[in-house]
C-alpha cells in the first residue's frame, strides 16, 4: 500500500501596516501568512506543490480567503507569497530519488566494466549467467582455460526468471560433461547478451 498525499507548513508571515481590515476598517491589524503545500510519499516530502495565503485581522478576528481580498491587499499578498521560499527539505524525496538513480547508474556502469574485463580474460572459477534459446536462465562455470578455448562445467538446472538464477549457483549443481568453447564464442555471446553477467 502506497501512502501519499499533501501537507502544509508555515513559510512566512507579515503584518501589513497602513492597510485597513476589509471588515472592521481597523488600520495596521491585518496579518498575511504564507503556507507551503508539498506532496509526500510515505511521509517523505517529495516536491513543493503550491503556496497558499491566509489573511486575518487581529482586531475583529475575521479570516479572509484570497478571493475576498480587495485589490490593494491582494497585490500585497501576492508580493509576500512571491518572496516566501519553500525550504530545502520540501525537496527531500527528489534528492533521495536522484541519489538512488545515480547509485544504480554507477553500479550498473561499474558492473558492466568489470564484466567486460572478465569476459576478455576468463579465469577458472568464473560463473557465467546464461540466457538459453528457450528464454530460460542457467549458469556455466569455468573449469579450465587454454590459449584458445574455455572448458565449462554446466549447471544441470534452469530457472524461468533472471532474478532467481542465483538459487542454482551451487557447487553440487555443476556437471562436467566436457563443454568447451572458443574465446571468440564467449565474446560473441557477451555482445549478444546471451552471457549477461559474470561472477568471479
C-alpha atoms as a PDB file:
ATOM      1  CA  UNK A   1       0.000   0.000   0.000  1.00  0.00           C
ATOM      2  CA  UNK A   2       1.437   3.363  -1.041  1.00  0.00           C
ATOM      3  CA  UNK A   3       0.894   6.258   1.338  1.00  0.00           C
ATOM      4  CA  UNK A   4       0.927   9.575  -0.469  1.00  0.00           C
ATOM      5  CA  UNK A   5      -0.745  12.941  -0.211  1.00  0.00           C
ATOM      6  CA  UNK A   6      -0.041  16.565   0.589  1.00  0.00           C
ATOM      7  CA  UNK A   7       0.800  18.523   3.719  1.00  0.00           C
ATOM      8  CA  UNK A   8       1.305  22.180   4.537  1.00  0.00           C
ATOM      9  CA  UNK A   9       3.929  24.023   6.548  1.00  0.00           C
ATOM     10  CA  UNK A  10       4.294  27.637   7.601  1.00  0.00           C
ATOM     11  CA  UNK A  11       6.673  29.688   5.447  1.00  0.00           C
ATOM     12  CA  UNK A  12       6.295  33.370   6.296  1.00  0.00           C
ATOM     13  CA  UNK A  13       4.061  35.987   7.977  1.00  0.00           C
ATOM     14  CA  UNK A  14       3.926  39.775   7.818  1.00  0.00           C
ATOM     15  CA  UNK A  15       1.786  42.445   9.441  1.00  0.00           C
ATOM     16  CA  UNK A  16       0.513  44.876   6.799  1.00  0.00           C
ATOM     17  CA  UNK A  17       0.988  48.410   8.084  1.00  0.00           C
ATOM     18  CA  UNK A  18      -1.036  51.256   6.564  1.00  0.00           C
ATOM     19  CA  UNK A  19      -3.809  49.000   5.228  1.00  0.00           C
ATOM     20  CA  UNK A  20      -7.270  48.623   6.746  1.00  0.00           C
ATOM     21  CA  UNK A  21      -9.158  45.453   7.524  1.00  0.00           C
ATOM     22  CA  UNK A  22     -11.847  44.887   4.844  1.00  0.00           C
ATOM     23  CA  UNK A  23     -14.322  44.020   7.625  1.00  0.00           C
ATOM     24  CA  UNK A  24     -13.792  46.327  10.634  1.00  0.00           C
ATOM     25  CA  UNK A  25     -11.682  49.004   8.887  1.00  0.00           C
ATOM     26  CA  UNK A  26      -9.021  48.892  11.627  1.00  0.00           C
ATOM     27  CA  UNK A  27      -5.628  50.082  10.386  1.00  0.00           C
ATOM     28  CA  UNK A  28      -2.445  48.074  10.973  1.00  0.00           C
ATOM     29  CA  UNK A  29      -4.279  44.974  12.202  1.00  0.00           C
ATOM     30  CA  UNK A  30      -4.045  42.787   9.093  1.00  0.00           C
ATOM     31  CA  UNK A  31      -1.685  39.789   9.120  1.00  0.00           C
ATOM     32  CA  UNK A  32      -0.762  37.859   5.991  1.00  0.00           C
ATOM     33  CA  UNK A  33       0.640  34.334   6.433  1.00  0.00           C
ATOM     34  CA  UNK A  34       2.039  32.116   3.700  1.00  0.00           C
ATOM     35  CA  UNK A  35       1.964  28.318   3.864  1.00  0.00           C
ATOM     36  CA  UNK A  36       3.759  25.924   1.550  1.00  0.00           C
ATOM     37  CA  UNK A  37       1.951  22.803   0.436  1.00  0.00           C
ATOM     38  CA  UNK A  38       4.121  19.849  -0.571  1.00  0.00           C
ATOM     39  CA  UNK A  39       3.497  16.375  -1.932  1.00  0.00           C
ATOM     40  CA  UNK A  40       4.797  13.424   0.055  1.00  0.00           C
ATOM     41  CA  UNK A  41       5.240   9.687  -0.460  1.00  0.00           C
ATOM     42  CA  UNK A  42       5.423   7.569   2.684  1.00  0.00           C
ATOM     43  CA  UNK A  43       5.540  10.856   4.586  1.00  0.00           C
ATOM     44  CA  UNK A  44       8.794  11.877   2.857  1.00  0.00           C
ATOM     45  CA  UNK A  45       8.429  15.381   1.338  1.00  0.00           C
ATOM     46  CA  UNK A  46       8.890  14.923  -2.391  1.00  0.00           C
ATOM     47  CA  UNK A  47       8.401  18.324  -4.005  1.00  0.00           C
ATOM     48  CA  UNK A  48       6.650  21.674  -3.325  1.00  0.00           C
ATOM     49  CA  UNK A  49       3.093  21.742  -4.650  1.00  0.00           C
ATOM     50  CA  UNK A  50       1.883  25.313  -4.188  1.00  0.00           C
ATOM     51  CA  UNK A  51       1.790  28.268  -1.810  1.00  0.00           C
ATOM     52  CA  UNK A  52      -1.333  29.445  -0.024  1.00  0.00           C
ATOM     53  CA  UNK A  53      -2.129  32.718   1.715  1.00  0.00           C
ATOM     54  CA  UNK A  54      -4.132  33.195   4.905  1.00  0.00           C
ATOM     55  CA  UNK A  55      -5.226  36.717   5.865  1.00  0.00           C
ATOM     56  CA  UNK A  56      -6.614  37.628   9.274  1.00  0.00           C
ATOM     57  CA  UNK A  57      -7.425  40.706  11.333  1.00  0.00           C
ATOM     58  CA  UNK A  58      -6.142  40.969  14.907  1.00  0.00           C
ATOM     59  CA  UNK A  59      -8.924  43.365  15.831  1.00  0.00           C
ATOM     60  CA  UNK A  60     -12.111  41.627  14.618  1.00  0.00           C
ATOM     61  CA  UNK A  61     -10.619  38.110  14.339  1.00  0.00           C
ATOM     62  CA  UNK A  62     -12.005  37.759  10.830  1.00  0.00           C
ATOM     63  CA  UNK A  63     -10.234  35.437   8.375  1.00  0.00           C
ATOM     64  CA  UNK A  64     -10.271  36.116   4.661  1.00  0.00           C
ATOM     65  CA  UNK A  65      -9.692  33.923   1.649  1.00  0.00           C
ATOM     66  CA  UNK A  66      -7.661  35.330  -1.228  1.00  0.00           C
ATOM     67  CA  UNK A  67     -10.842  35.780  -3.256  1.00  0.00           C
ATOM     68  CA  UNK A  68     -12.302  38.031  -0.561  1.00  0.00           C
ATOM     69  CA  UNK A  69      -9.383  40.456  -0.506  1.00  0.00           C
ATOM     70  CA  UNK A  70      -9.670  43.899  -2.073  1.00  0.00           C
ATOM     71  CA  UNK A  71      -7.229  44.667  -4.873  1.00  0.00           C
ATOM     72  CA  UNK A  72      -4.721  46.522  -2.685  1.00  0.00           C
ATOM     73  CA  UNK A  73      -4.430  43.674  -0.163  1.00  0.00           C
ATOM     74  CA  UNK A  74      -4.390  41.083  -2.952  1.00  0.00           C
ATOM     75  CA  UNK A  75      -1.388  42.830  -4.521  1.00  0.00           C
ATOM     76  CA  UNK A  76       0.459  42.868  -1.175  1.00  0.00           C
ATOM     77  CA  UNK A  77      -0.427  39.218  -0.520  1.00  0.00           C
ATOM     78  CA  UNK A  78       0.924  38.229  -3.943  1.00  0.00           C
ATOM     79  CA  UNK A  79       4.202  40.051  -3.213  1.00  0.00           C
ATOM     80  CA  UNK A  80       4.614  38.339   0.162  1.00  0.00           C
ATOM     81  CA  UNK A  81       3.744  34.952  -1.368  1.00  0.00           C
ATOM     82  CA  UNK A  82       6.324  35.512  -4.096  1.00  0.00           C
ATOM     83  CA  UNK A  83       9.019  36.276  -1.507  1.00  0.00           C
ATOM     84  CA  UNK A  84       8.266  33.151   0.548  1.00  0.00           C
ATOM     85  CA  UNK A  85      10.557  30.309  -0.480  1.00  0.00           C
ATOM     86  CA  UNK A  86       9.938  26.614   0.029  1.00  0.00           C
ATOM     87  CA  UNK A  87      12.539  25.119   2.414  1.00  0.00           C
ATOM     88  CA  UNK A  88      15.089  22.706   1.016  1.00  0.00           C
ATOM     89  CA  UNK A  89      13.580  19.769   2.912  1.00  0.00           C
ATOM     90  CA  UNK A  90      10.431  20.065   0.748  1.00  0.00           C
ATOM     91  CA  UNK A  91      12.645  18.567  -1.997  1.00  0.00           C
ATOM     92  CA  UNK A  92      13.881  15.641   0.146  1.00  0.00           C
ATOM     93  CA  UNK A  93      12.146  12.987  -1.963  1.00  0.00           C
ATOM     94  CA  UNK A  94      13.589  14.336  -5.210  1.00  0.00           C
ATOM     95  CA  UNK A  95      17.071  14.427  -3.673  1.00  0.00           C
ATOM     96  CA  UNK A  96      16.724  10.823  -2.446  1.00  0.00           C
ATOM     97  CA  UNK A  97      15.385   9.704  -5.819  1.00  0.00           C
ATOM     98  CA  UNK A  98      18.260  11.431  -7.608  1.00  0.00           C
ATOM     99  CA  UNK A  99      20.779   9.786  -5.277  1.00  0.00           C
ATOM    100  CA  UNK A 100      19.175   6.376  -5.855  1.00  0.00           C
ATOM    101  CA  UNK A 101      19.227   6.793  -9.643  1.00  0.00           C
ATOM    102  CA  UNK A 102      22.876   7.893  -9.505  1.00  0.00           C
ATOM    103  CA  UNK A 103      23.804   4.936  -7.287  1.00  0.00           C
ATOM    104  CA  UNK A 104      22.061   2.452  -9.601  1.00  0.00           C
ATOM    105  CA  UNK A 105      23.622   4.010 -12.716  1.00  0.00           C
ATOM    106  CA  UNK A 106      27.072   3.986 -11.106  1.00  0.00           C
ATOM    107  CA  UNK A 107      26.648   0.366 -10.009  1.00  0.00           C
ATOM    108  CA  UNK A 108      25.494  -0.747 -13.456  1.00  0.00           C
ATOM    109  CA  UNK A 109      28.332   1.109 -15.175  1.00  0.00           C
ATOM    110  CA  UNK A 110      30.905  -0.355 -12.792  1.00  0.00           C
ATOM    111  CA  UNK A 111      29.454  -3.856 -13.180  1.00  0.00           C
ATOM    112  CA  UNK A 112      29.483  -3.546 -16.990  1.00  0.00           C
ATOM    113  CA  UNK A 113      33.173  -2.571 -16.947  1.00  0.00           C
ATOM    114  CA  UNK A 114      34.017  -5.482 -14.645  1.00  0.00           C
ATOM    115  CA  UNK A 115      32.136  -7.918 -16.879  1.00  0.00           C
ATOM    116  CA  UNK A 116      33.937  -6.565 -19.952  1.00  0.00           C
ATOM    117  CA  UNK A 117      37.277  -7.159 -18.265  1.00  0.00           C
ATOM    118  CA  UNK A 118      36.361 -10.665 -17.074  1.00  0.00           C
ATOM    119  CA  UNK A 119      34.978 -11.831 -20.435  1.00  0.00           C
ATOM    120  CA  UNK A 120      38.197 -10.681 -22.102  1.00  0.00           C
ATOM    121  CA  UNK A 121      40.337 -12.518 -19.513  1.00  0.00           C
ATOM    122  CA  UNK A 122      38.442 -15.634 -18.355  1.00  0.00           C
ATOM    123  CA  UNK A 123      39.690 -17.490 -15.304  1.00  0.00           C
ATOM    124  CA  UNK A 124      38.889 -20.881 -13.725  1.00  0.00           C
ATOM    125  CA  UNK A 125      36.028 -20.492 -11.262  1.00  0.00           C
ATOM    126  CA  UNK A 126      34.248 -17.702 -13.166  1.00  0.00           C
ATOM    127  CA  UNK A 127      30.492 -18.312 -13.363  1.00  0.00           C
ATOM    128  CA  UNK A 128      28.542 -17.029 -16.334  1.00  0.00           C
ATOM    129  CA  UNK A 129      24.831 -16.278 -16.205  1.00  0.00           C
ATOM    130  CA  UNK A 130      23.385 -17.587 -19.469  1.00  0.00           C
ATOM    131  CA  UNK A 131      20.114 -16.918 -21.276  1.00  0.00           C
ATOM    132  CA  UNK A 132      19.126 -20.091 -23.134  1.00  0.00           C
ATOM    133  CA  UNK A 133      17.431 -20.419 -26.531  1.00  0.00           C
ATOM    134  CA  UNK A 134      14.145 -21.119 -24.708  1.00  0.00           C
ATOM    135  CA  UNK A 135      14.497 -17.863 -22.711  1.00  0.00           C
ATOM    136  CA  UNK A 136      15.321 -19.700 -19.516  1.00  0.00           C
ATOM    137  CA  UNK A 137      18.345 -18.942 -17.369  1.00  0.00           C
ATOM    138  CA  UNK A 138      21.232 -21.137 -16.247  1.00  0.00           C
ATOM    139  CA  UNK A 139      24.904 -20.866 -15.304  1.00  0.00           C
ATOM    140  CA  UNK A 140      28.208 -22.137 -16.661  1.00  0.00           C
ATOM    141  CA  UNK A 141      31.318 -22.412 -14.503  1.00  0.00           C
ATOM    142  CA  UNK A 142      34.822 -22.290 -15.994  1.00  0.00           C
ATOM    143  CA  UNK A 143      36.849 -25.438 -15.282  1.00  0.00           C
ATOM    144  CA  UNK A 144      39.945 -24.658 -17.326  1.00  0.00           C
ATOM    145  CA  UNK A 145      41.282 -22.066 -19.753  1.00  0.00           C
ATOM    146  CA  UNK A 146      43.750 -22.689 -22.588  1.00  0.00           C
ATOM    147  CA  UNK A 147      45.227 -20.338 -25.162  1.00  0.00           C
ATOM    148  CA  UNK A 148      42.180 -20.663 -27.451  1.00  0.00           C
ATOM    149  CA  UNK A 149      39.421 -22.434 -25.530  1.00  0.00           C
ATOM    150  CA  UNK A 150      37.456 -22.305 -22.330  1.00  0.00           C
ATOM    151  CA  UNK A 151      36.195 -25.526 -20.716  1.00  0.00           C
ATOM    152  CA  UNK A 152      32.988 -25.364 -18.702  1.00  0.00           C
ATOM    153  CA  UNK A 153      31.061 -27.202 -16.055  1.00  0.00           C
ATOM    154  CA  UNK A 154      27.390 -26.839 -16.970  1.00  0.00           C
ATOM    155  CA  UNK A 155      24.607 -26.362 -14.465  1.00  0.00           C
ATOM    156  CA  UNK A 156      22.008 -29.117 -14.532  1.00  0.00           C
ATOM    157  CA  UNK A 157      19.200 -26.711 -13.667  1.00  0.00           C
ATOM    158  CA  UNK A 158      17.468 -23.776 -15.317  1.00  0.00           C
ATOM    159  CA  UNK A 159      15.094 -21.156 -13.912  1.00  0.00           C
ATOM    160  CA  UNK A 160      12.477 -19.113 -15.722  1.00  0.00           C
ATOM    161  CA  UNK A 161      13.357 -15.759 -14.155  1.00  0.00           C
ATOM    162  CA  UNK A 162      16.618 -13.844 -14.248  1.00  0.00           C
ATOM    163  CA  UNK A 163      16.150 -12.801 -10.627  1.00  0.00           C
ATOM    164  CA  UNK A 164      16.181 -16.443  -9.473  1.00  0.00           C
ATOM    165  CA  UNK A 165      19.312 -17.677 -11.236  1.00  0.00           C
ATOM    166  CA  UNK A 166      21.370 -17.219  -8.067  1.00  0.00           C
ATOM    167  CA  UNK A 167      19.413 -20.078  -6.482  1.00  0.00           C
ATOM    168  CA  UNK A 168      21.046 -22.662  -8.736  1.00  0.00           C
ATOM    169  CA  UNK A 169      24.587 -21.323  -8.287  1.00  0.00           C
ATOM    170  CA  UNK A 170      25.691 -24.192  -6.028  1.00  0.00           C
ATOM    171  CA  UNK A 171      28.806 -26.360  -6.418  1.00  0.00           C
ATOM    172  CA  UNK A 172      26.807 -29.595  -6.444  1.00  0.00           C
ATOM    173  CA  UNK A 173      24.677 -28.402  -9.387  1.00  0.00           C
ATOM    174  CA  UNK A 174      27.562 -28.184 -11.873  1.00  0.00           C
ATOM    175  CA  UNK A 175      28.270 -31.200 -14.110  1.00  0.00           C
ATOM    176  CA  UNK A 176      31.472 -31.990 -16.010  1.00  0.00           C
ATOM    177  CA  UNK A 177      30.302 -33.014 -19.475  1.00  0.00           C
ATOM    178  CA  UNK A 178      33.248 -31.627 -21.420  1.00  0.00           C
ATOM    179  CA  UNK A 179      31.682 -28.425 -22.778  1.00  0.00           C
ATOM    180  CA  UNK A 180      34.318 -26.279 -24.496  1.00  0.00           C
ATOM    181  CA  UNK A 181      34.009 -23.017 -26.423  1.00  0.00           C
ATOM    182  CA  UNK A 182      36.424 -20.684 -28.086  1.00  0.00           C
ATOM    183  CA  UNK A 183      37.189 -17.335 -26.503  1.00  0.00           C
ATOM    184  CA  UNK A 184      35.656 -15.705 -29.573  1.00  0.00           C
ATOM    185  CA  UNK A 185      32.399 -17.592 -28.928  1.00  0.00           C
ATOM    186  CA  UNK A 186      32.300 -16.151 -25.426  1.00  0.00           C
ATOM    187  CA  UNK A 187      32.884 -12.611 -26.684  1.00  0.00           C
ATOM    188  CA  UNK A 188      30.070 -13.078 -29.230  1.00  0.00           C
ATOM    189  CA  UNK A 189      27.743 -14.427 -26.534  1.00  0.00           C
ATOM    190  CA  UNK A 190      28.548 -11.481 -24.307  1.00  0.00           C
ATOM    191  CA  UNK A 191      27.953  -8.993 -27.123  1.00  0.00           C
ATOM    192  CA  UNK A 192      24.561 -10.598 -27.896  1.00  0.00           C
ATOM    193  CA  UNK A 193      23.580 -10.664 -24.175  1.00  0.00           C
ATOM    194  CA  UNK A 194      23.440 -14.468 -24.092  1.00  0.00           C
ATOM    195  CA  UNK A 195      26.004 -14.057 -21.297  1.00  0.00           C
ATOM    196  CA  UNK A 196      24.557 -11.200 -19.255  1.00  0.00           C
ATOM    197  CA  UNK A 197      26.509 -11.299 -16.004  1.00  0.00           C
ATOM    198  CA  UNK A 198      29.728 -12.792 -14.641  1.00  0.00           C
ATOM    199  CA  UNK A 199      30.646 -13.716 -11.090  1.00  0.00           C
ATOM    200  CA  UNK A 200      34.255 -14.193 -10.014  1.00  0.00           C
END
